[in-house]
Amino acid sequence: MKKHIVCFGDSNTHGYCADPKDCADGGNRFNEEERWPCLLQKKLGDGSLVLEEGLSGRTTVFTDPLHESMSGLDAVYSALLSHEPVDLLIIMLGTNDTKERFGANAACIGIGLERLILKAKDIACWRKETPNILVIAPPHIGEGLYQVPEGEPMGKGCPEKSRELAKHFRAVSERQGCRFLDAQGLAEFNQIDCMHLTRKGHAQLEEALAELVPGLLG
């Protein structure tokens, strides 16, 4: 039986491309030869099934007043049960939580991540009833965000808060018995909106995960 790996994240899991010139198809989403979950599937081979559950704008727990269905807490139950039995859940969230309209500092975002993890662990989806979760802290949002149109609705404080996420996510992961990976310095962000992975960044993240994930699958 194949190992089921659920990749639960936001636009950087969905594969949003801020620069059409960086995307082979010239669109706003990297294709199956470029997105990190698809690259990870190719690397792991037929013994694993890597399942994409990325949604642009998704948060850990915050309900967005401007867009529907963005809270990961509201989506994780159906996402995990639809892919049961789950052998590994990879969570990469936090970038959208820094938006000014949510009014949450990095410590509160960490609390939101912990709440999401607790819910995921309690869902009856795990093979052999053993939760297995890898938390990825996303790369830091660049200061250039303030110089581009996308920065205005994101609001103030996003780069600053994003730099603080990893320490809180690491602490949450340790408390909850999850594995942790800090993607800062591992995966390249583009210089257009300063918060989305480049094609190279997707490949870099896949390379790091290809080394880590097999050891987490038992």
C-alpha atoms as a PDB file:
ATOM      1  CA  MET A   1       0.000   0.000   0.000  1.00  0.00           C
ATOM      2  CA  LYS A   2       1.265   3.458  -0.872  1.00  0.00           C
ATOM      3  CA  LYS A   3       2.199   5.932   1.834  1.00  0.00           C
ATOM      4  CA  HIS A   4      -0.210   8.898   1.817  1.00  0.00           C
ATOM      5  CA  ILE A   5       1.489  12.275   2.294  1.00  0.00           C
ATOM      6  CA  VAL A   6      -0.874  15.258   2.580  1.00  0.00           C
ATOM      7  CA  CYS A   7       0.656  18.675   1.812  1.00  0.00           C
ATOM      8  CA  PHE A   8      -1.564  21.206   3.586  1.00  0.00           C
ATOM      9  CA  GLY A   9      -0.676  24.799   2.883  1.00  0.00           C
ATOM     10  CA  ASP A  10      -1.350  28.092   1.173  1.00  0.00           C
ATOM     11  CA  SER A  11      -0.339  29.569  -2.194  1.00  0.00           C
ATOM     12  CA  ASN A  12       3.218  28.297  -1.830  1.00  0.00           C
ATOM     13  CA  THR A  13       1.838  24.756  -1.758  1.00  0.00           C
ATOM     14  CA  HIS A  14      -0.785  25.465  -4.424  1.00  0.00           C
ATOM     15  CA  GLY A  15       2.006  26.777  -6.632  1.00  0.00           C
ATOM     16  CA  TYR A  16       1.128  30.426  -7.218  1.00  0.00           C
ATOM     17  CA  CYS A  17       3.592  32.072  -9.592  1.00  0.00           C
ATOM     18  CA  ALA A  18       4.046  35.821  -9.184  1.00  0.00           C
ATOM     19  CA  ASP A  19       6.141  36.113 -12.352  1.00  0.00           C
ATOM     20  CA  PRO A  20       4.664  34.478 -15.481  1.00  0.00           C
ATOM     21  CA  LYS A  21       8.147  34.538 -17.013  1.00  0.00           C
ATOM     22  CA  ASP A  22       9.252  32.104 -14.300  1.00  0.00           C
ATOM     23  CA  CYS A  23       6.450  29.647 -15.090  1.00  0.00           C
ATOM     24  CA  ALA A  24       6.903  27.238 -18.008  1.00  0.00           C
ATOM     25  CA  ASP A  25       3.265  27.680 -18.992  1.00  0.00           C
ATOM     26  CA  GLY A  26       3.415  31.473 -18.696  1.00  0.00           C
ATOM     27  CA  GLY A  27       0.498  31.518 -16.257  1.00  0.00           C
ATOM     28  CA  ASN A  28       0.051  32.262 -12.570  1.00  0.00           C
ATOM     29  CA  ARG A  29       0.438  28.690 -11.318  1.00  0.00           C
ATOM     30  CA  PHE A  30       3.477  26.474 -11.628  1.00  0.00           C
ATOM     31  CA  ASN A  31       2.711  23.227 -13.422  1.00  0.00           C
ATOM     32  CA  GLU A  32       3.170  19.608 -12.322  1.00  0.00           C
ATOM     33  CA  GLU A  33       6.823  19.671 -13.359  1.00  0.00           C
ATOM     34  CA  GLU A  34       7.508  22.694 -11.143  1.00  0.00           C
ATOM     35  CA  ARG A  35       5.457  22.556  -7.931  1.00  0.00           C
ATOM     36  CA  TRP A  36       7.251  21.130  -4.896  1.00  0.00           C
ATOM     37  CA  PRO A  37       4.590  18.516  -3.987  1.00  0.00           C
ATOM     38  CA  CYS A  38       4.688  17.161  -7.549  1.00  0.00           C
ATOM     39  CA  LEU A  39       8.472  17.171  -7.571  1.00  0.00           C
ATOM     40  CA  LEU A  40       8.438  15.333  -4.249  1.00  0.00           C
ATOM     41  CA  GLN A  41       6.074  12.729  -5.706  1.00  0.00           C
ATOM     42  CA  LYS A  42       8.441  12.169  -8.603  1.00  0.00           C
ATOM     43  CA  LYS A  43      11.421  11.804  -6.271  1.00  0.00           C
ATOM     44  CA  LEU A  44       9.693   9.422  -3.829  1.00  0.00           C
ATOM     45  CA  GLY A  45       8.330   7.227  -6.600  1.00  0.00           C
ATOM     46  CA  ASP A  46       5.494   4.718  -6.737  1.00  0.00           C
ATOM     47  CA  GLY A  47       5.662   3.771  -3.073  1.00  0.00           C
ATOM     48  CA  SER A  48       4.166   7.101  -2.028  1.00  0.00           C
ATOM     49  CA  LEU A  49       1.173   9.226  -2.974  1.00  0.00           C
ATOM     50  CA  VAL A  50       1.789  12.949  -2.449  1.00  0.00           C
ATOM     51  CA  LEU A  51      -1.531  14.773  -2.155  1.00  0.00           C
ATOM     52  CA  GLU A  52      -1.807  18.512  -2.808  1.00  0.00           C
ATOM     53  CA  GLU A  53      -4.027  20.475  -0.429  1.00  0.00           C
ATOM     54  CA  GLY A  54      -2.813  24.015  -1.058  1.00  0.00           C
ATOM     55  CA  LEU A  55      -5.111  27.052  -1.165  1.00  0.00           C
ATOM     56  CA  SER A  56      -4.007  30.603  -1.864  1.00  0.00           C
ATOM     57  CA  GLY A  57      -4.774  32.800   1.139  1.00  0.00           C
ATOM     58  CA  ARG A  58      -5.133  29.960   3.649  1.00  0.00           C
ATOM     59  CA  THR A  59      -4.365  30.744   7.295  1.00  0.00           C
ATOM     60  CA  THR A  60      -3.839  28.499  10.293  1.00  0.00           C
ATOM     61  CA  VAL A  61      -7.059  29.422  12.130  1.00  0.00           C
ATOM     62  CA  PHE A  62      -8.111  32.928  11.081  1.00  0.00           C
ATOM     63  CA  THR A  63     -11.359  33.594   9.209  1.00  0.00           C
ATOM     64  CA  ASP A  64     -10.738  36.143   6.481  1.00  0.00           C
ATOM     65  CA  PRO A  65     -13.474  38.814   6.216  1.00  0.00           C
ATOM     66  CA  LEU A  66     -12.544  39.426   2.573  1.00  0.00           C
ATOM     67  CA  HIS A  67     -12.321  35.858   1.217  1.00  0.00           C
ATOM     68  CA  GLU A  68     -14.252  32.656   1.880  1.00  0.00           C
ATOM     69  CA  SER A  69     -13.004  29.411   3.401  1.00  0.00           C
ATOM     70  CA  MET A  70      -9.475  30.516   4.301  1.00  0.00           C
ATOM     71  CA  SER A  71      -9.156  29.038   7.789  1.00  0.00           C
ATOM     72  CA  GLY A  72      -7.073  25.876   7.841  1.00  0.00           C
ATOM     73  CA  LEU A  73      -8.842  24.884  11.039  1.00  0.00           C
ATOM     74  CA  ASP A  74     -12.117  24.686   9.112  1.00  0.00           C
ATOM     75  CA  ALA A  75     -10.617  22.709   6.223  1.00  0.00           C
ATOM     76  CA  VAL A  76      -8.266  20.204   7.810  1.00  0.00           C
ATOM     77  CA  TYR A  77     -10.965  17.715   8.865  1.00  0.00           C
ATOM     78  CA  SER A  78     -12.326  17.148   5.370  1.00  0.00           C
ATOM     79  CA  ALA A  79      -8.872  17.318   3.795  1.00  0.00           C
ATOM     80  CA  LEU A  80      -7.450  14.565   5.975  1.00  0.00           C
ATOM     81  CA  LEU A  81     -10.478  12.294   5.916  1.00  0.00           C
ATOM     82  CA  SER A  82     -10.690  12.505   2.129  1.00  0.00           C
ATOM     83  CA  HIS A  83      -7.147  11.118   1.897  1.00  0.00           C
ATOM     84  CA  GLU A  84      -7.201   8.524   4.682  1.00  0.00           C
ATOM     85  CA  PRO A  85      -5.243   6.621   5.738  1.00  0.00           C
ATOM     86  CA  VAL A  86      -2.719   9.415   6.225  1.00  0.00           C
ATOM     87  CA  ASP A  87       0.910   8.517   6.881  1.00  0.00           C
ATOM     88  CA  LEU A  88       2.317  12.048   6.994  1.00  0.00           C
ATOM     89  CA  LEU A  89       0.805  15.522   7.132  1.00  0.00           C
ATOM     90  CA  ILE A  90       3.034  18.388   5.999  1.00  0.00           C
ATOM     91  CA  ILE A  91       1.823  21.800   7.177  1.00  0.00           C
ATOM     92  CA  MET A  92       3.317  24.953   5.640  1.00  0.00           C
ATOM     93  CA  LEU A  93       1.253  27.941   6.723  1.00  0.00           C
ATOM     94  CA  GLY A  94       1.790  31.280   8.445  1.00  0.00           C
ATOM     95  CA  THR A  95       2.506  33.734   5.624  1.00  0.00           C
ATOM     96  CA  ASN A  96      -1.124  34.845   5.334  1.00  0.00           C
ATOM     97  CA  ASP A  97      -1.556  34.956   9.107  1.00  0.00           C
ATOM     98  CA  THR A  98       0.787  37.952   9.177  1.00  0.00           C
ATOM     99  CA  LYS A  99      -1.759  40.133   7.348  1.00  0.00           C
ATOM    100  CA  GLU A 100      -2.523  43.299   9.271  1.00  0.00           C
ATOM    101  CA  ARG A 101      -6.286  42.726   9.206  1.00  0.00           C
ATOM    102  CA  PHE A 102      -5.962  39.642  11.446  1.00  0.00           C
ATOM    103  CA  GLY A 103      -4.241  41.622  14.175  1.00  0.00           C
ATOM    104  CA  ALA A 104      -2.098  38.665  15.265  1.00  0.00           C
ATOM    105  CA  ASN A 105       1.551  38.824  16.282  1.00  0.00           C
ATOM    106  CA  ALA A 106       3.946  35.934  15.686  1.00  0.00           C
ATOM    107  CA  ALA A 107       3.250  34.404  19.095  1.00  0.00           C
ATOM    108  CA  CYS A 108      -0.497  34.329  18.390  1.00  0.00           C
ATOM    109  CA  ILE A 109       0.121  32.801  14.972  1.00  0.00           C
ATOM    110  CA  GLY A 110       2.098  30.094  16.747  1.00  0.00           C
ATOM    111  CA  ILE A 111      -0.867  29.476  19.051  1.00  0.00           C
ATOM    112  CA  GLY A 112      -3.048  29.176  15.953  1.00  0.00           C
ATOM    113  CA  LEU A 113      -0.676  26.591  14.490  1.00  0.00           C
ATOM    114  CA  GLU A 114      -0.817  24.592  17.708  1.00  0.00           C
ATOM    115  CA  ARG A 115      -4.598  24.635  17.677  1.00  0.00           C
ATOM    116  CA  LEU A 116      -4.553  23.363  14.084  1.00  0.00           C
ATOM    117  CA  ILE A 117      -2.122  20.589  14.982  1.00  0.00           C
ATOM    118  CA  LEU A 118      -4.218  19.490  17.948  1.00  0.00           C
ATOM    119  CA  LYS A 119      -7.273  19.211  15.731  1.00  0.00           C
ATOM    120  CA  ALA A 120      -5.365  17.305  13.041  1.00  0.00           C
ATOM    121  CA  LYS A 121      -4.015  14.834  15.601  1.00  0.00           C
ATOM    122  CA  ASP A 122      -7.538  14.146  16.848  1.00  0.00           C
ATOM    123  CA  ILE A 123      -8.985  13.266  13.414  1.00  0.00           C
ATOM    124  CA  ALA A 124      -9.545   9.552  12.818  1.00  0.00           C
ATOM    125  CA  CYS A 125      -7.537   9.471   9.589  1.00  0.00           C
ATOM    126  CA  TRP A 126      -4.121   8.177  10.674  1.00  0.00           C
ATOM    127  CA  ARG A 127      -2.721   4.856   9.616  1.00  0.00           C
ATOM    128  CA  LYS A 128      -2.350   2.736  12.749  1.00  0.00           C
ATOM    129  CA  GLU A 129      -3.930   5.667  14.656  1.00  0.00           C
ATOM    130  CA  THR A 130      -0.536   7.370  14.907  1.00  0.00           C
ATOM    131  CA  PRO A 131      -0.421  11.095  14.008  1.00  0.00           C
ATOM    132  CA  ASN A 132       2.680  12.028  12.033  1.00  0.00           C
ATOM    133  CA  ILE A 133       3.160  15.728  11.267  1.00  0.00           C
ATOM    134  CA  LEU A 134       5.935  17.813   9.738  1.00  0.00           C
ATOM    135  CA  VAL A 135       5.721  21.586  10.251  1.00  0.00           C
ATOM    136  CA  ILE A 136       7.504  23.883   7.796  1.00  0.00           C
ATOM    137  CA  ALA A 137       8.127  27.504   8.739  1.00  0.00           C
ATOM    138  CA  PRO A 138       7.885  29.475   5.477  1.00  0.00           C
ATOM    139  CA  PRO A 139      10.693  31.732   4.225  1.00  0.00           C
ATOM    140  CA  HIS A 140      10.602  35.306   5.486  1.00  0.00           C
ATOM    141  CA  ILE A 141       8.519  37.838   3.594  1.00  0.00           C
ATOM    142  CA  GLY A 142      10.866  40.428   2.086  1.00  0.00           C
ATOM    143  CA  GLU A 143      10.885  44.133   2.902  1.00  0.00           C
ATOM    144  CA  GLY A 144      10.195  44.737  -0.783  1.00  0.00           C
ATOM    145  CA  LEU A 145       6.565  43.800  -0.073  1.00  0.00           C
ATOM    146  CA  TYR A 146       5.989  47.424   0.905  1.00  0.00           C
ATOM    147  CA  GLN A 147       7.048  48.595  -2.553  1.00  0.00           C
ATOM    148  CA  VAL A 148       4.575  46.482  -4.594  1.00  0.00           C
ATOM    149  CA  PRO A 149       0.775  46.657  -5.002  1.00  0.00           C
ATOM    150  CA  GLU A 150       0.306  43.316  -3.201  1.00  0.00           C
ATOM    151  CA  GLY A 151       1.791  44.846  -0.084  1.00  0.00           C
ATOM    152  CA  GLU A 152      -1.014  47.324   0.504  1.00  0.00           C
ATOM    153  CA  PRO A 153      -3.789  44.784   1.289  1.00  0.00           C
ATOM    154  CA  MET A 154      -1.307  42.634   3.208  1.00  0.00           C
ATOM    155  CA  GLY A 155      -0.769  45.656   5.462  1.00  0.00           C
ATOM    156  CA  LYS A 156       1.933  46.715   7.861  1.00  0.00           C
ATOM    157  CA  GLY A 157       4.164  44.397   9.846  1.00  0.00           C
ATOM    158  CA  CYS A 158       4.141  41.314   7.613  1.00  0.00           C
ATOM    159  CA  PRO A 159       7.900  40.996   7.006  1.00  0.00           C
ATOM    160  CA  GLU A 160       8.650  41.693  10.646  1.00  0.00           C
ATOM    161  CA  LYS A 161       6.179  39.091  11.930  1.00  0.00           C
ATOM    162  CA  SER A 162       7.262  36.498   9.373  1.00  0.00           C
ATOM    163  CA  ARG A 163      10.826  36.679  10.687  1.00  0.00           C
ATOM    164  CA  GLU A 164       9.550  35.653  14.126  1.00  0.00           C
ATOM    165  CA  LEU A 165       7.430  32.698  13.034  1.00  0.00           C
ATOM    166  CA  ALA A 166      10.119  30.015  12.985  1.00  0.00           C
ATOM    167  CA  LYS A 167      10.998  30.249  16.678  1.00  0.00           C
ATOM    168  CA  HIS A 168       7.341  29.924  17.679  1.00  0.00           C
ATOM    169  CA  PHE A 169       6.659  27.150  15.166  1.00  0.00           C
ATOM    170  CA  ARG A 170       9.710  25.259  16.377  1.00  0.00           C
ATOM    171  CA  ALA A 171       8.528  25.485  19.984  1.00  0.00           C
ATOM    172  CA  VAL A 172       5.021  24.325  19.041  1.00  0.00           C
ATOM    173  CA  SER A 173       6.455  21.414  17.053  1.00  0.00           C
ATOM    174  CA  GLU A 174       8.571  20.305  19.989  1.00  0.00           C
ATOM    175  CA  ARG A 175       5.601  20.434  22.378  1.00  0.00           C
ATOM    176  CA  GLN A 176       3.374  18.489  20.021  1.00  0.00           C
ATOM    177  CA  GLY A 177       5.908  15.864  18.948  1.00  0.00           C
ATOM    178  CA  CYS A 178       6.035  17.091  15.341  1.00  0.00           C
ATOM    179  CA  ARG A 179       9.085  17.291  13.122  1.00  0.00           C
ATOM    180  CA  PHE A 180      10.142  20.799  12.115  1.00  0.00           C
ATOM    181  CA  LEU A 181      11.831  22.358   9.096  1.00  0.00           C
ATOM    182  CA  ASP A 182      12.714  26.036   8.717  1.00  0.00           C
ATOM    183  CA  ALA A 183      12.533  26.915   5.006  1.00  0.00           C
ATOM    184  CA  GLN A 184      14.328  30.234   5.450  1.00  0.00           C
ATOM    185  CA  GLY A 185      17.526  30.013   3.447  1.00  0.00           C
ATOM    186  CA  LEU A 186      16.416  26.755   1.843  1.00  0.00           C
ATOM    187  CA  ALA A 187      13.870  28.012  -0.666  1.00  0.00           C
ATOM    188  CA  GLU A 188      14.109  31.154  -2.801  1.00  0.00           C
ATOM    189  CA  PHE A 189      11.359  33.793  -2.812  1.00  0.00           C
ATOM    190  CA  ASN A 190      10.801  35.974  -5.886  1.00  0.00           C
ATOM    191  CA  GLN A 191      11.652  39.683  -5.899  1.00  0.00           C
ATOM    192  CA  ILE A 192       8.319  40.752  -7.405  1.00  0.00           C
ATOM    193  CA  ASP A 193       6.017  40.348  -4.403  1.00  0.00           C
ATOM    194  CA  CYS A 194       8.669  39.017  -2.006  1.00  0.00           C
ATOM    195  CA  MET A 195       6.444  36.292  -0.552  1.00  0.00           C
ATOM    196  CA  HIS A 196       6.060  33.542  -3.149  1.00  0.00           C
ATOM    197  CA  LEU A 197       8.478  30.805  -4.092  1.00  0.00           C
ATOM    198  CA  THR A 198      10.212  30.941  -7.439  1.00  0.00           C
ATOM    199  CA  ARG A 199      10.474  27.888  -9.653  1.00  0.00           C
ATOM    200  CA  LYS A 200      13.960  27.422  -8.205  1.00  0.00           C
ATOM    201  CA  GLY A 201      12.525  27.805  -4.698  1.00  0.00           C
ATOM    202  CA  HIS A 202      10.049  24.978  -5.311  1.00  0.00           C
ATOM    203  CA  ALA A 203      12.890  22.727  -6.451  1.00  0.00           C
ATOM    204  CA  GLN A 204      15.015  23.710  -3.453  1.00  0.00           C
ATOM    205  CA  LEU A 205      12.216  22.920  -1.012  1.00  0.00           C
ATOM    206  CA  GLU A 206      11.598  19.575  -2.696  1.00  0.00           C
ATOM    207  CA  GLU A 207      15.273  18.689  -2.381  1.00  0.00           C
ATOM    208  CA  ALA A 208      15.233  19.342   1.350  1.00  0.00           C
ATOM    209  CA  LEU A 209      12.035  17.353   1.806  1.00  0.00           C
ATOM    210  CA  ALA A 210      13.271  14.454  -0.336  1.00  0.00           C
ATOM    211  CA  GLU A 211      16.057  13.976   2.217  1.00  0.00           C
ATOM    212  CA  LEU A 212      13.806  14.351   5.262  1.00  0.00           C
ATOM    213  CA  VAL A 213      10.492  12.696   4.367  1.00  0.00           C
ATOM    214  CA  PRO A 214      11.593   9.066   3.782  1.00  0.00           C
ATOM    215  CA  GLY A 215      12.838   8.898   7.361  1.00  0.00           C
ATOM    216  CA  LEU A 216       9.443  10.072   8.600  1.00  0.00           C
ATOM    217  CA  LEU A 217       7.467   7.397   6.809  1.00  0.00           C
ATOM    218  CA  GLY A 218       8.752   4.445   8.790  1.00  0.00           C
END
